[in-house]
Amino acid sequence: MSAKNWVLSFMLLSILYTGAALSQGNSLGYEVLKEPSGGVKLKISTDAAAAGMWLGVTAYVPNAKNGSGNGQSQVLPLKQGKGTYEMVYEPRFKNGTFEAAIWTKKLSQSECGQGDEACRKLGYKMTGMVSYVWGYLSNP
């Protein structure tokens, strides 16, 4: 291979590698499955562009009112790349809803503002949402 061809090949590979790195993002997918118990299983697929991110998932019973306490939340650390997480919910959540997000940071209670009521109550706060999905917890 001539020096000219080698340089052109190297430049092409560099451009392709840079393009792939720039297109790397964060994504969420989901599947809702029946559980033998009569409840539902939520299977979340993630693709995190960097290590140190967090997956937050909240499931709600049908007809839940905001702030009613009829939700169940989980926050899980993510590794860079693809991952799969399964959550099983009891029958009272069937036909309810869920929301899931990838967050860049989990703030401790001491890092939250003094007037942040939700952070004080939960003991943490998620910030920097980079991907979000919402859906129904139903499977025919």
Protein backbone atom coordinates (compact mmCIF):
# COMPACT_ATOMS: atom_id res chain seq x y z
CA MET A 1 0.00 0.00 0.00
CA SER A 2 1.45 3.33 -1.00
CA ALA A 3 1.91 6.12 1.53
CA LYS A 4 -0.81 8.15 -0.19
CA ASN A 5 -3.34 5.29 0.05
CA TRP A 6 -2.35 4.66 3.67
CA VAL A 7 -2.96 8.32 4.57
CA LEU A 8 -6.33 8.34 2.78
CA SER A 9 -7.37 5.10 4.54
CA PHE A 10 -6.31 6.49 7.90
CA MET A 11 -8.26 9.73 7.29
CA LEU A 12 -11.38 7.80 6.26
CA LEU A 13 -11.22 5.60 9.37
CA SER A 14 -10.71 8.69 11.55
CA ILE A 15 -13.78 10.36 10.05
CA LEU A 16 -15.91 7.21 10.50
CA TYR A 17 -14.73 6.77 14.11
CA THR A 18 -15.45 10.43 14.93
CA GLY A 19 -18.91 10.19 13.36
CA ALA A 20 -19.73 7.08 15.38
CA ALA A 21 -18.57 8.73 18.61
CA LEU A 22 -20.64 11.84 17.95
CA SER A 23 -23.79 9.82 17.20
CA GLN A 24 -23.55 7.88 20.46
CA GLY A 25 -26.50 8.87 22.65
CA ASN A 26 -28.80 7.64 25.38
CA SER A 27 -31.91 5.60 24.77
CA LEU A 28 -34.66 3.70 26.54
CA GLY A 29 -36.97 0.94 25.39
CA TYR A 30 -39.53 -1.16 27.21
CA GLU A 31 -41.65 -4.28 27.14
CA VAL A 32 -44.57 -5.13 29.45
CA LEU A 33 -45.07 -8.82 30.24
CA LYS A 34 -47.63 -10.82 32.22
CA GLU A 35 -46.58 -12.25 35.56
CA PRO A 36 -47.90 -15.59 36.90
CA SER A 37 -48.89 -13.73 40.10
CA GLY A 38 -51.41 -11.63 38.13
CA GLY A 39 -49.14 -8.60 38.20
CA VAL A 40 -46.94 -7.21 35.45
CA LYS A 41 -43.24 -7.24 34.64
CA LEU A 42 -41.68 -4.13 33.14
CA LYS A 43 -38.52 -4.85 31.17
CA ILE A 44 -36.48 -1.70 30.49
CA SER A 45 -33.63 -1.67 27.96
CA THR A 46 -31.09 1.13 28.23
CA ASP A 47 -28.16 2.41 26.23
CA ALA A 48 -26.12 4.89 28.26
CA ALA A 49 -23.45 6.98 26.51
CA ALA A 50 -21.37 7.33 29.69
CA ALA A 51 -20.80 5.60 33.00
CA GLY A 52 -22.23 7.12 36.17
CA MET A 53 -25.74 7.77 34.83
CA TRP A 54 -28.95 6.67 36.56
CA LEU A 55 -32.18 4.95 35.55
CA GLY A 56 -35.26 6.25 37.35
CA VAL A 57 -38.54 4.31 37.03
CA THR A 58 -41.88 5.14 38.64
CA ALA A 59 -44.97 2.95 38.30
CA TYR A 60 -48.48 4.19 39.13
CA VAL A 61 -51.69 2.33 39.93
CA PRO A 62 -54.63 2.99 37.57
CA ASN A 63 -56.23 6.43 38.07
CA ALA A 64 -53.45 7.58 40.42
CA LYS A 65 -53.61 11.24 41.39
CA ASN A 66 -50.44 13.32 41.50
CA GLY A 67 -48.94 13.19 44.98
CA SER A 68 -51.38 10.52 46.20
CA GLY A 69 -48.65 8.09 47.24
CA ASN A 70 -49.97 5.49 44.77
CA GLY A 71 -46.67 5.26 42.94
CA GLN A 72 -43.58 3.14 43.39
CA SER A 73 -40.16 4.52 42.39
CA GLN A 74 -36.76 2.97 41.86
CA VAL A 75 -33.40 4.53 40.98
CA LEU A 76 -30.63 2.31 39.63
CA PRO A 77 -27.04 3.14 38.63
CA LEU A 78 -26.17 2.54 34.97
CA LYS A 79 -22.97 1.38 33.36
CA GLN A 80 -21.90 2.70 29.98
CA GLY A 81 -23.46 0.81 27.09
CA LYS A 82 -26.48 -1.45 26.86
CA GLY A 83 -28.32 -2.89 29.85
CA THR A 84 -31.61 -4.59 30.72
CA TYR A 85 -33.53 -4.14 33.97
CA GLU A 86 -36.67 -5.95 35.09
CA MET A 87 -39.21 -4.70 37.62
CA VAL A 88 -42.12 -6.82 38.82
CA TYR A 89 -45.25 -5.04 40.04
CA GLU A 90 -48.10 -6.51 42.04
CA PRO A 91 -51.59 -6.84 40.50
CA ARG A 92 -52.78 -3.43 41.79
CA PHE A 93 -50.42 -1.79 39.23
CA LYS A 94 -51.91 -3.70 36.26
CA ASN A 95 -53.42 -1.24 33.75
CA GLY A 96 -51.63 1.61 35.48
CA THR A 97 -48.85 3.68 33.93
CA PHE A 98 -45.11 4.11 34.28
CA GLU A 99 -42.44 6.58 33.37
CA ALA A 100 -38.71 5.98 33.07
CA ALA A 101 -35.77 8.27 32.43
CA ILE A 102 -32.01 8.26 32.17
CA TRP A 103 -30.49 10.96 34.39
CA THR A 104 -26.94 12.30 34.47
CA LYS A 105 -26.80 12.89 38.22
CA LYS A 106 -28.37 11.92 41.53
CA LEU A 107 -28.13 14.74 44.06
CA SER A 108 -28.00 13.88 47.75
CA GLN A 109 -30.30 15.66 50.19
CA SER A 110 -27.42 17.90 51.27
CA GLU A 111 -26.87 19.00 47.63
CA CYS A 112 -30.51 20.09 47.18
CA GLY A 113 -31.80 23.56 47.94
CA GLN A 114 -33.35 24.14 51.38
CA GLY A 115 -36.74 24.87 49.85
CA ASP A 116 -36.80 21.66 47.78
CA GLU A 117 -39.64 19.80 49.52
CA ALA A 118 -39.56 16.72 47.25
CA CYS A 119 -35.81 16.26 47.70
CA ARG A 120 -36.13 16.62 51.46
CA LYS A 121 -38.91 14.01 51.54
CA LEU A 122 -37.18 11.47 49.24
CA GLY A 123 -33.62 12.14 50.39
CA TYR A 124 -32.37 12.70 46.84
CA LYS A 125 -33.16 14.44 43.55
CA MET A 126 -32.45 13.41 39.96
CA THR A 127 -31.09 16.01 37.50
CA GLY A 128 -30.03 16.16 33.86
CA MET A 129 -32.68 14.04 32.12
CA VAL A 130 -31.31 12.83 28.77
CA SER A 131 -33.90 10.21 27.75
CA TYR A 132 -37.55 9.59 28.74
CA VAL A 133 -40.30 7.06 28.05
CA TRP A 134 -43.89 6.69 29.29
CA GLY A 135 -46.34 3.83 28.86
CA TYR A 136 -49.18 1.66 30.16
CA LEU A 137 -48.61 -1.33 32.43
CA SER A 138 -50.98 -3.55 30.50
CA ASN A 139 -50.46 -6.63 28.41
CA PRO A 140 -53.45 -8.41 26.84
